[in-house]
Amino acid sequence: MKSIIKRNLSLETKYTLIDKKYISLVDGFGCTCANCGKLISNIATVKNESSEVFNIGFDCLETFLINNSLLDGKSILEYQQFKKFLPTYLKRSKDIKEFILNNKSLNVVSIEFDTLDFKNHVENWSKYHKQQYLTYYYIFENGKKYNSNLKLANEVNINDFLDVVKSVCNVNIIKND
């Protein structure tokens, strides 16, 4: 069992989880954890009762989760879902980035995701299938589009996935919903 270790942030303060994201360290991004000082790419943004905002790593967030009185409970499930699907988000994002790198001469300027279609499929077909296809389009500098798709679990958070894609691929994301 993980133990609670006193770091920079007070363990006597209640925090609210306001955001979670992945920022690639490979490209020189990321930040340091306000609690332990380590370099982090999996970032949870929390706010204390005095409205001060801190970026902390998921390990430190888990320390806060040990004692539910430290973190506003309404976002714990959201955090757990993000952590559960982050490996999938990263793998799919890296596949997209590989396509962009392998087709550099075409100069991908943005990617357009058809999230409405994905949500409709989840709504209508989730009782039959655990995964659905998410259609997206690479948009090249010359204005041409190339369509592709990938399978994602029905319960993924599309906004979280697109945030990871944007971070990993460093490209403009267009969401059709």
N, C-alpha and C. Protein backbone atom coordinates (compact mmCIF):
# COMPACT_ATOMS: atom_id res chain seq x y z
N MET A 1 0.84 -1.18 0.00
CA MET A 1 0.00 0.00 0.00
C MET A 1 0.88 1.23 0.00
N LYS A 2 0.52 2.20 -0.81
CA LYS A 2 1.26 3.44 -0.92
C LYS A 2 1.08 4.27 0.35
N SER A 3 2.17 4.84 0.84
CA SER A 3 2.07 5.65 2.05
C SER A 3 2.07 7.14 1.71
N ILE A 4 1.51 7.92 2.59
CA ILE A 4 1.45 9.37 2.40
C ILE A 4 2.74 9.98 2.93
N ILE A 5 3.46 10.69 2.06
CA ILE A 5 4.70 11.34 2.44
C ILE A 5 4.51 12.84 2.30
N LYS A 6 4.90 13.58 3.30
CA LYS A 6 4.78 15.05 3.30
C LYS A 6 5.77 15.62 2.29
N ARG A 7 5.28 16.42 1.39
CA ARG A 7 6.10 17.11 0.38
C ARG A 7 5.83 18.61 0.49
N ASN A 8 5.84 19.32 -0.64
CA ASN A 8 5.65 20.78 -0.63
C ASN A 8 4.21 21.21 -0.36
N LEU A 9 3.22 20.46 -0.86
CA LEU A 9 1.84 20.86 -0.68
C LEU A 9 1.29 20.31 0.64
N SER A 10 0.49 21.10 1.28
CA SER A 10 -0.07 20.72 2.57
C SER A 10 -1.03 19.55 2.44
N LEU A 11 -0.90 18.60 3.34
CA LEU A 11 -1.82 17.47 3.36
C LEU A 11 -3.04 17.77 4.22
N GLU A 12 -3.09 18.97 4.76
CA GLU A 12 -4.25 19.37 5.56
C GLU A 12 -5.21 20.25 4.78
N THR A 13 -4.93 20.45 3.51
CA THR A 13 -5.76 21.28 2.64
C THR A 13 -6.54 20.38 1.70
N LYS A 14 -7.75 20.79 1.39
CA LYS A 14 -8.55 20.05 0.42
C LYS A 14 -8.28 20.65 -0.97
N TYR A 15 -8.07 19.78 -1.95
CA TYR A 15 -7.79 20.20 -3.32
C TYR A 15 -8.91 19.75 -4.24
N THR A 16 -9.08 20.49 -5.32
CA THR A 16 -10.04 20.13 -6.34
C THR A 16 -9.27 19.86 -7.63
N LEU A 17 -9.51 18.72 -8.23
CA LEU A 17 -8.89 18.38 -9.51
C LEU A 17 -9.63 19.16 -10.59
N ILE A 18 -8.91 20.04 -11.31
CA ILE A 18 -9.57 20.86 -12.32
C ILE A 18 -9.17 20.49 -13.75
N ASP A 19 -8.07 19.75 -13.91
CA ASP A 19 -7.66 19.36 -15.26
C ASP A 19 -6.64 18.23 -15.15
N LYS A 20 -6.52 17.46 -16.20
CA LYS A 20 -5.49 16.45 -16.32
C LYS A 20 -5.08 16.38 -17.77
N LYS A 21 -3.78 16.19 -17.99
CA LYS A 21 -3.29 16.16 -19.37
C LYS A 21 -1.94 15.46 -19.44
N TYR A 22 -1.58 15.12 -20.65
CA TYR A 22 -0.27 14.56 -20.95
C TYR A 22 0.46 15.57 -21.82
N ILE A 23 1.70 15.88 -21.46
CA ILE A 23 2.53 16.75 -22.28
C ILE A 23 3.85 16.03 -22.50
N SER A 24 4.23 15.86 -23.73
CA SER A 24 5.42 15.10 -24.09
C SER A 24 6.70 15.72 -23.55
N LEU A 25 7.53 14.90 -22.92
CA LEU A 25 8.84 15.35 -22.45
C LEU A 25 9.88 15.29 -23.57
N VAL A 26 9.64 14.42 -24.55
CA VAL A 26 10.58 14.22 -25.65
C VAL A 26 10.81 15.51 -26.41
N ASP A 27 9.75 16.29 -26.59
CA ASP A 27 9.85 17.52 -27.35
C ASP A 27 10.25 18.71 -26.49
N GLY A 28 10.68 18.45 -25.24
CA GLY A 28 11.16 19.52 -24.37
C GLY A 28 10.06 20.21 -23.61
N PHE A 29 8.88 19.60 -23.52
CA PHE A 29 7.78 20.20 -22.78
C PHE A 29 7.65 19.51 -21.43
N GLY A 30 6.56 19.69 -20.78
CA GLY A 30 6.36 19.14 -19.45
C GLY A 30 6.68 20.23 -18.42
N CYS A 31 6.61 19.86 -17.17
CA CYS A 31 6.93 20.81 -16.10
C CYS A 31 7.35 20.03 -14.88
N THR A 32 7.65 20.72 -13.80
CA THR A 32 8.00 20.04 -12.57
C THR A 32 6.79 20.02 -11.65
N CYS A 33 6.70 18.98 -10.86
CA CYS A 33 5.60 18.80 -9.91
C CYS A 33 5.73 19.82 -8.78
N ALA A 34 4.65 20.54 -8.51
CA ALA A 34 4.65 21.53 -7.43
C ALA A 34 4.76 20.87 -6.06
N ASN A 35 4.49 19.56 -6.01
CA ASN A 35 4.54 18.86 -4.72
C ASN A 35 5.91 18.26 -4.46
N CYS A 36 6.44 17.46 -5.41
CA CYS A 36 7.69 16.75 -5.16
C CYS A 36 8.89 17.30 -5.93
N GLY A 37 8.65 18.14 -6.93
CA GLY A 37 9.73 18.76 -7.69
C GLY A 37 10.26 17.93 -8.85
N LYS A 38 9.70 16.74 -9.10
CA LYS A 38 10.16 15.90 -10.21
C LYS A 38 9.59 16.39 -11.54
N LEU A 39 10.33 16.10 -12.62
CA LEU A 39 9.87 16.41 -13.97
C LEU A 39 8.69 15.50 -14.29
N ILE A 40 7.59 16.08 -14.80
CA ILE A 40 6.38 15.29 -15.07
C ILE A 40 5.85 15.56 -16.47
N SER A 41 5.22 14.52 -17.03
CA SER A 41 4.52 14.67 -18.31
C SER A 41 3.03 14.40 -18.12
N ASN A 42 2.69 13.56 -17.14
CA ASN A 42 1.29 13.30 -16.78
C ASN A 42 0.93 14.30 -15.71
N ILE A 43 0.18 15.32 -16.08
CA ILE A 43 -0.02 16.48 -15.22
C ILE A 43 -1.47 16.58 -14.76
N ALA A 44 -1.63 16.69 -13.46
CA ALA A 44 -2.94 16.96 -12.85
C ALA A 44 -2.88 18.38 -12.31
N THR A 45 -3.84 19.20 -12.70
CA THR A 45 -3.92 20.56 -12.18
C THR A 45 -4.94 20.57 -11.06
N VAL A 46 -4.50 21.01 -9.88
CA VAL A 46 -5.37 21.05 -8.72
C VAL A 46 -5.43 22.48 -8.17
N LYS A 47 -6.54 22.76 -7.50
CA LYS A 47 -6.74 24.09 -6.90
C LYS A 47 -7.03 23.87 -5.42
N ASN A 48 -6.40 24.69 -4.56
CA ASN A 48 -6.68 24.54 -3.13
C ASN A 48 -7.82 25.46 -2.71
N GLU A 49 -8.16 25.42 -1.45
CA GLU A 49 -9.30 26.21 -0.94
C GLU A 49 -9.08 27.71 -1.07
N SER A 50 -7.82 28.14 -1.21
CA SER A 50 -7.51 29.55 -1.39
C SER A 50 -7.45 29.94 -2.86
N SER A 51 -7.88 29.03 -3.74
CA SER A 51 -7.90 29.22 -5.20
C SER A 51 -6.51 29.29 -5.82
N GLU A 52 -5.49 28.80 -5.12
CA GLU A 52 -4.16 28.69 -5.71
C GLU A 52 -4.13 27.43 -6.56
N VAL A 53 -3.51 27.53 -7.73
CA VAL A 53 -3.49 26.43 -8.68
C VAL A 53 -2.08 25.83 -8.74
N PHE A 54 -2.02 24.48 -8.76
CA PHE A 54 -0.76 23.77 -8.79
C PHE A 54 -0.81 22.67 -9.84
N ASN A 55 0.32 22.45 -10.53
CA ASN A 55 0.46 21.31 -11.43
C ASN A 55 1.25 20.25 -10.68
N ILE A 56 0.65 19.06 -10.56
CA ILE A 56 1.32 17.97 -9.87
C ILE A 56 1.28 16.72 -10.74
N GLY A 57 2.19 15.80 -10.48
CA GLY A 57 2.23 14.54 -11.21
C GLY A 57 1.16 13.58 -10.72
N PHE A 58 0.89 12.57 -11.53
CA PHE A 58 -0.13 11.60 -11.18
C PHE A 58 0.24 10.80 -9.93
N ASP A 59 1.54 10.58 -9.68
CA ASP A 59 1.94 9.87 -8.46
C ASP A 59 1.56 10.68 -7.23
N CYS A 60 1.82 11.97 -7.26
CA CYS A 60 1.44 12.82 -6.12
C CYS A 60 -0.08 12.92 -6.01
N LEU A 61 -0.76 12.94 -7.14
CA LEU A 61 -2.22 12.97 -7.09
C LEU A 61 -2.75 11.70 -6.43
N GLU A 62 -2.13 10.56 -6.75
CA GLU A 62 -2.54 9.31 -6.11
C GLU A 62 -2.32 9.37 -4.60
N THR A 63 -1.27 10.05 -4.17
CA THR A 63 -1.04 10.22 -2.73
C THR A 63 -2.22 10.97 -2.12
N PHE A 64 -2.69 11.99 -2.81
CA PHE A 64 -3.85 12.74 -2.32
C PHE A 64 -5.11 11.88 -2.35
N LEU A 65 -5.20 10.97 -3.33
CA LEU A 65 -6.39 10.12 -3.45
C LEU A 65 -6.49 9.09 -2.32
N ILE A 66 -5.35 8.78 -1.70
CA ILE A 66 -5.37 7.81 -0.61
C ILE A 66 -6.33 8.26 0.48
N ASN A 67 -6.31 9.55 0.74
CA ASN A 67 -7.21 10.11 1.74
C ASN A 67 -8.23 10.96 0.97
N ASN A 68 -9.43 10.43 0.75
CA ASN A 68 -10.43 11.12 -0.07
C ASN A 68 -10.78 12.51 0.43
N SER A 69 -10.51 12.81 1.68
CA SER A 69 -10.83 14.14 2.18
C SER A 69 -9.88 15.20 1.63
N LEU A 70 -8.79 14.76 0.98
CA LEU A 70 -7.83 15.72 0.43
C LEU A 70 -8.20 16.21 -0.96
N LEU A 71 -9.05 15.46 -1.68
CA LEU A 71 -9.35 15.79 -3.07
C LEU A 71 -10.84 15.75 -3.28
N ASP A 72 -11.37 16.76 -3.94
CA ASP A 72 -12.79 16.79 -4.24
C ASP A 72 -13.13 15.55 -5.06
N GLY A 73 -14.07 14.76 -4.57
CA GLY A 73 -14.36 13.45 -5.13
C GLY A 73 -15.04 13.44 -6.48
N LYS A 74 -15.62 14.55 -6.93
CA LYS A 74 -16.37 14.49 -8.17
C LYS A 74 -15.51 14.22 -9.40
N SER A 75 -14.19 14.46 -9.32
CA SER A 75 -13.32 14.27 -10.48
C SER A 75 -12.43 13.03 -10.36
N ILE A 76 -12.53 12.30 -9.27
CA ILE A 76 -11.66 11.15 -9.09
C ILE A 76 -11.91 10.11 -10.18
N LEU A 77 -13.15 9.83 -10.49
CA LEU A 77 -13.48 8.85 -11.53
C LEU A 77 -12.94 9.31 -12.89
N GLU A 78 -13.05 10.59 -13.16
CA GLU A 78 -12.55 11.15 -14.41
C GLU A 78 -11.03 10.96 -14.51
N TYR A 79 -10.33 11.22 -13.40
CA TYR A 79 -8.88 11.02 -13.36
C TYR A 79 -8.53 9.56 -13.60
N GLN A 80 -9.25 8.65 -12.92
CA GLN A 80 -8.98 7.22 -13.04
C GLN A 80 -9.21 6.75 -14.47
N GLN A 81 -10.24 7.28 -15.13
CA GLN A 81 -10.50 6.91 -16.51
C GLN A 81 -9.37 7.41 -17.42
N PHE A 82 -8.91 8.65 -17.17
CA PHE A 82 -7.82 9.19 -17.98
C PHE A 82 -6.57 8.32 -17.81
N LYS A 83 -6.25 7.96 -16.59
CA LYS A 83 -5.06 7.15 -16.34
C LYS A 83 -5.21 5.77 -16.99
N LYS A 84 -6.41 5.22 -16.94
CA LYS A 84 -6.66 3.90 -17.53
C LYS A 84 -6.42 3.92 -19.05
N PHE A 85 -6.88 4.97 -19.70
CA PHE A 85 -6.81 5.02 -21.16
C PHE A 85 -5.56 5.74 -21.70
N LEU A 86 -4.75 6.35 -20.85
CA LEU A 86 -3.58 7.08 -21.32
C LEU A 86 -2.65 6.23 -22.19
N PRO A 87 -2.36 4.97 -21.82
CA PRO A 87 -1.51 4.17 -22.73
C PRO A 87 -2.10 4.02 -24.13
N THR A 88 -3.41 3.86 -24.23
CA THR A 88 -4.08 3.77 -25.53
C THR A 88 -3.97 5.10 -26.26
N TYR A 89 -4.24 6.21 -25.54
CA TYR A 89 -4.15 7.53 -26.15
C TYR A 89 -2.74 7.76 -26.72
N LEU A 90 -1.72 7.37 -25.95
CA LEU A 90 -0.34 7.57 -26.39
C LEU A 90 -0.01 6.72 -27.60
N LYS A 91 -0.43 5.44 -27.57
CA LYS A 91 -0.14 4.56 -28.70
C LYS A 91 -0.80 5.07 -29.98
N ARG A 92 -2.06 5.41 -29.90
CA ARG A 92 -2.77 5.91 -31.09
C ARG A 92 -2.16 7.24 -31.57
N SER A 93 -1.79 8.10 -30.63
CA SER A 93 -1.17 9.39 -30.99
C SER A 93 0.17 9.18 -31.68
N LYS A 94 0.95 8.23 -31.19
CA LYS A 94 2.24 7.95 -31.80
C LYS A 94 2.07 7.36 -33.20
N ASP A 95 1.03 6.56 -33.41
CA ASP A 95 0.74 6.04 -34.75
C ASP A 95 0.42 7.19 -35.71
N ILE A 96 -0.36 8.15 -35.24
CA ILE A 96 -0.70 9.32 -36.06
C ILE A 96 0.56 10.13 -36.35
N LYS A 97 1.40 10.33 -35.33
CA LYS A 97 2.64 11.09 -35.50
C LYS A 97 3.56 10.39 -36.50
N GLU A 98 3.61 9.06 -36.46
CA GLU A 98 4.43 8.31 -37.40
C GLU A 98 3.98 8.55 -38.84
N PHE A 99 2.66 8.58 -39.07
CA PHE A 99 2.16 8.88 -40.41
C PHE A 99 2.62 10.27 -40.85
N ILE A 100 2.51 11.24 -39.94
CA ILE A 100 2.92 12.62 -40.27
C ILE A 100 4.40 12.66 -40.61
N LEU A 101 5.24 11.99 -39.82
CA LEU A 101 6.68 12.00 -40.07
C LEU A 101 7.04 11.26 -41.36
N ASN A 102 6.32 10.17 -41.64
CA ASN A 102 6.60 9.40 -42.87
C ASN A 102 6.10 10.11 -44.13
N ASN A 103 5.26 11.11 -43.97
CA ASN A 103 4.71 11.84 -45.12
C ASN A 103 5.02 13.34 -44.98
N LYS A 104 6.23 13.64 -44.55
CA LYS A 104 6.64 15.03 -44.32
C LYS A 104 6.49 15.90 -45.56
N SER A 105 6.73 15.32 -46.72
CA SER A 105 6.66 16.10 -47.96
C SER A 105 5.24 16.62 -48.22
N LEU A 106 4.22 15.96 -47.65
CA LEU A 106 2.83 16.39 -47.84
C LEU A 106 2.46 17.52 -46.89
N ASN A 107 3.26 17.73 -45.87
CA ASN A 107 3.10 18.81 -44.90
C ASN A 107 1.69 18.85 -44.29
N VAL A 108 1.46 17.98 -43.32
CA VAL A 108 0.19 17.96 -42.59
C VAL A 108 0.11 19.21 -41.73
N VAL A 109 -0.95 20.01 -41.93
CA VAL A 109 -1.11 21.25 -41.16
C VAL A 109 -2.14 21.09 -40.04
N SER A 110 -3.04 20.13 -40.18
CA SER A 110 -4.01 19.89 -39.12
C SER A 110 -4.65 18.52 -39.32
N ILE A 111 -5.37 18.10 -38.26
CA ILE A 111 -6.11 16.85 -38.33
C ILE A 111 -7.53 17.15 -37.88
N GLU A 112 -8.49 16.71 -38.69
CA GLU A 112 -9.90 16.93 -38.40
C GLU A 112 -10.52 15.61 -37.93
N PHE A 113 -11.11 15.63 -36.74
CA PHE A 113 -11.72 14.43 -36.15
C PHE A 113 -13.24 14.54 -36.21
N ASP A 114 -13.87 13.46 -36.65
CA ASP A 114 -15.33 13.41 -36.72
C ASP A 114 -15.87 12.80 -35.43
N THR A 115 -15.88 13.60 -34.36
CA THR A 115 -16.29 13.10 -33.05
C THR A 115 -17.79 12.88 -32.97
N LEU A 116 -18.57 13.62 -33.73
CA LEU A 116 -20.02 13.44 -33.71
C LEU A 116 -20.39 12.05 -34.21
N ASP A 117 -19.75 11.62 -35.28
CA ASP A 117 -20.00 10.29 -35.82
C ASP A 117 -19.62 9.22 -34.80
N PHE A 118 -18.49 9.39 -34.12
CA PHE A 118 -18.06 8.43 -33.10
C PHE A 118 -19.08 8.37 -31.97
N LYS A 119 -19.52 9.53 -31.49
CA LYS A 119 -20.49 9.57 -30.40
C LYS A 119 -21.81 8.92 -30.80
N ASN A 120 -22.25 9.15 -32.05
CA ASN A 120 -23.48 8.52 -32.54
C ASN A 120 -23.34 7.00 -32.59
N HIS A 121 -22.19 6.51 -33.04
CA HIS A 121 -21.96 5.06 -33.08
C HIS A 121 -21.97 4.48 -31.69
N VAL A 122 -21.32 5.17 -30.74
CA VAL A 122 -21.30 4.68 -29.36
C VAL A 122 -22.72 4.61 -28.82
N GLU A 123 -23.49 5.65 -29.08
CA GLU A 123 -24.87 5.71 -28.59
C GLU A 123 -25.73 4.60 -29.19
N ASN A 124 -25.56 4.34 -30.48
CA ASN A 124 -26.43 3.39 -31.17
C ASN A 124 -25.93 1.95 -31.18
N TRP A 125 -24.62 1.75 -31.06
CA TRP A 125 -24.08 0.41 -31.24
C TRP A 125 -23.33 -0.12 -30.01
N SER A 126 -23.24 0.64 -28.94
CA SER A 126 -22.43 0.21 -27.80
C SER A 126 -22.94 -1.07 -27.15
N LYS A 127 -24.21 -1.36 -27.29
CA LYS A 127 -24.72 -2.60 -26.70
C LYS A 127 -24.23 -3.83 -27.48
N TYR A 128 -23.78 -3.63 -28.73
CA TYR A 128 -23.30 -4.73 -29.55
C TYR A 128 -21.77 -4.78 -29.65
N HIS A 129 -21.13 -3.64 -29.53
CA HIS A 129 -19.68 -3.55 -29.73
C HIS A 129 -19.06 -2.73 -28.59
N LYS A 130 -17.87 -3.13 -28.14
CA LYS A 130 -17.18 -2.41 -27.07
C LYS A 130 -16.28 -1.31 -27.61
N GLN A 131 -16.02 -1.36 -28.92
CA GLN A 131 -15.18 -0.35 -29.55
C GLN A 131 -15.87 0.18 -30.80
N GLN A 132 -15.55 1.40 -31.15
CA GLN A 132 -16.09 2.02 -32.36
C GLN A 132 -14.93 2.66 -33.13
N TYR A 133 -15.18 2.95 -34.39
CA TYR A 133 -14.19 3.63 -35.21
C TYR A 133 -14.34 5.14 -35.08
N LEU A 134 -13.22 5.80 -34.93
CA LEU A 134 -13.17 7.26 -34.94
C LEU A 134 -12.53 7.65 -36.27
N THR A 135 -13.29 8.34 -37.11
CA THR A 135 -12.80 8.78 -38.41
C THR A 135 -12.11 10.13 -38.26
N TYR A 136 -11.00 10.28 -38.96
CA TYR A 136 -10.29 11.56 -38.94
C TYR A 136 -9.64 11.79 -40.31
N TYR A 137 -9.26 13.03 -40.54
CA TYR A 137 -8.72 13.44 -41.84
C TYR A 137 -7.44 14.23 -41.62
N TYR A 138 -6.37 13.80 -42.29
CA TYR A 138 -5.16 14.60 -42.33
C TYR A 138 -5.40 15.70 -43.34
N ILE A 139 -5.14 16.93 -42.98
CA ILE A 139 -5.32 18.05 -43.91
C ILE A 139 -3.92 18.56 -44.26
N PHE A 140 -3.63 18.53 -45.56
CA PHE A 140 -2.31 18.91 -46.03
C PHE A 140 -2.26 20.40 -46.39
N GLU A 141 -1.05 20.91 -46.51
CA GLU A 141 -0.84 22.32 -46.81
C GLU A 141 -1.54 22.74 -48.11
N ASN A 142 -1.63 21.83 -49.08
CA ASN A 142 -2.26 22.16 -50.35
C ASN A 142 -3.79 22.09 -50.28
N GLY A 143 -4.35 21.80 -49.08
CA GLY A 143 -5.79 21.76 -48.90
C GLY A 143 -6.42 20.39 -49.07
N LYS A 144 -5.65 19.44 -49.59
CA LYS A 144 -6.20 18.09 -49.78
C LYS A 144 -6.32 17.38 -48.43
N LYS A 145 -7.24 16.40 -48.40
CA LYS A 145 -7.47 15.62 -47.19
C LYS A 145 -7.22 14.15 -47.47
N TYR A 146 -6.75 13.46 -46.45
CA TYR A 146 -6.58 12.01 -46.51
C TYR A 146 -7.29 11.45 -45.29
N ASN A 147 -8.25 10.56 -45.52
CA ASN A 147 -9.00 10.07 -44.36
C ASN A 147 -8.41 8.77 -43.83
N SER A 148 -8.63 8.59 -42.53
CA SER A 148 -8.19 7.40 -41.84
C SER A 148 -9.14 7.16 -40.68
N ASN A 149 -8.92 6.10 -39.95
CA ASN A 149 -9.74 5.85 -38.76
C ASN A 149 -8.97 4.96 -37.81
N LEU A 150 -9.46 4.91 -36.60
CA LEU A 150 -8.88 4.04 -35.59
C LEU A 150 -9.98 3.59 -34.65
N LYS A 151 -9.75 2.46 -34.01
CA LYS A 151 -10.74 1.94 -33.07
C LYS A 151 -10.41 2.44 -31.67
N LEU A 152 -11.45 2.89 -30.99
CA LEU A 152 -11.32 3.32 -29.60
C LEU A 152 -12.44 2.69 -28.79
N ALA A 153 -12.16 2.44 -27.53
CA ALA A 153 -13.19 1.91 -26.63
C ALA A 153 -14.31 2.93 -26.48
N ASN A 154 -15.52 2.45 -26.33
CA ASN A 154 -16.69 3.32 -26.23
C ASN A 154 -16.59 4.32 -25.09
N GLU A 155 -15.96 3.93 -23.98
CA GLU A 155 -15.96 4.79 -22.81
C GLU A 155 -14.81 5.79 -22.74
N VAL A 156 -14.00 5.91 -23.81
CA VAL A 156 -12.93 6.90 -23.80
C VAL A 156 -13.53 8.31 -23.79
N ASN A 157 -12.76 9.22 -23.26
CA ASN A 157 -13.14 10.64 -23.29
C ASN A 157 -12.46 11.24 -24.52
N ILE A 158 -13.25 11.57 -25.51
CA ILE A 158 -12.71 12.06 -26.79
C ILE A 158 -11.86 13.32 -26.58
N ASN A 159 -12.29 14.22 -25.71
CA ASN A 159 -11.53 15.46 -25.49
C ASN A 159 -10.15 15.15 -24.91
N ASP A 160 -10.08 14.21 -23.97
CA ASP A 160 -8.78 13.81 -23.41
C ASP A 160 -7.90 13.22 -24.51
N PHE A 161 -8.49 12.36 -25.34
CA PHE A 161 -7.72 11.74 -26.42
C PHE A 161 -7.17 12.80 -27.37
N LEU A 162 -8.01 13.75 -27.76
CA LEU A 162 -7.56 14.79 -28.70
C LEU A 162 -6.51 15.69 -28.08
N ASP A 163 -6.58 15.94 -26.79
CA ASP A 163 -5.53 16.72 -26.11
C ASP A 163 -4.18 16.00 -26.18
N VAL A 164 -4.21 14.68 -26.01
CA VAL A 164 -2.97 13.91 -26.09
C VAL A 164 -2.44 13.90 -27.52
N VAL A 165 -3.33 13.74 -28.51
CA VAL A 165 -2.91 13.77 -29.91
C VAL A 165 -2.25 15.11 -30.22
N LYS A 166 -2.86 16.18 -29.78
CA LYS A 166 -2.31 17.52 -30.03
C LYS A 166 -0.93 17.67 -29.40
N SER A 167 -0.78 17.17 -28.19
CA SER A 167 0.50 17.27 -27.49
C SER A 167 1.59 16.43 -28.16
N VAL A 168 1.26 15.20 -28.52
CA VAL A 168 2.24 14.29 -29.11
C VAL A 168 2.59 14.70 -30.53
N CYS A 169 1.59 15.06 -31.32
CA CYS A 169 1.80 15.34 -32.75
C CYS A 169 2.16 16.79 -33.01
N ASN A 170 1.91 17.67 -32.05
CA ASN A 170 2.20 19.10 -32.22
C ASN A 170 1.59 19.63 -33.52
N VAL A 171 0.28 19.38 -33.67
CA VAL A 171 -0.44 19.78 -34.87
C VAL A 171 -1.80 20.35 -34.45
N ASN A 172 -2.36 21.20 -35.27
CA ASN A 172 -3.68 21.77 -35.01
C ASN A 172 -4.75 20.68 -35.10
N ILE A 173 -5.65 20.66 -34.13
CA ILE A 173 -6.72 19.67 -34.09
C ILE A 173 -8.05 20.39 -34.35
N ILE A 174 -8.83 19.83 -35.29
CA ILE A 174 -10.17 20.34 -35.58
C ILE A 174 -11.14 19.25 -35.15
N LYS A 175 -12.14 19.64 -34.37
CA LYS A 175 -13.10 18.66 -33.87
C LYS A 175 -14.46 18.98 -34.45
N ASN A 176 -15.04 18.03 -35.18
CA ASN A 176 -16.39 18.17 -35.72
C ASN A 176 -17.37 17.48 -34.80
N ASP A 177 -18.08 18.28 -34.03
CA ASP A 177 -19.11 17.69 -33.18
C ASP A 177 -20.25 18.62 -33.14
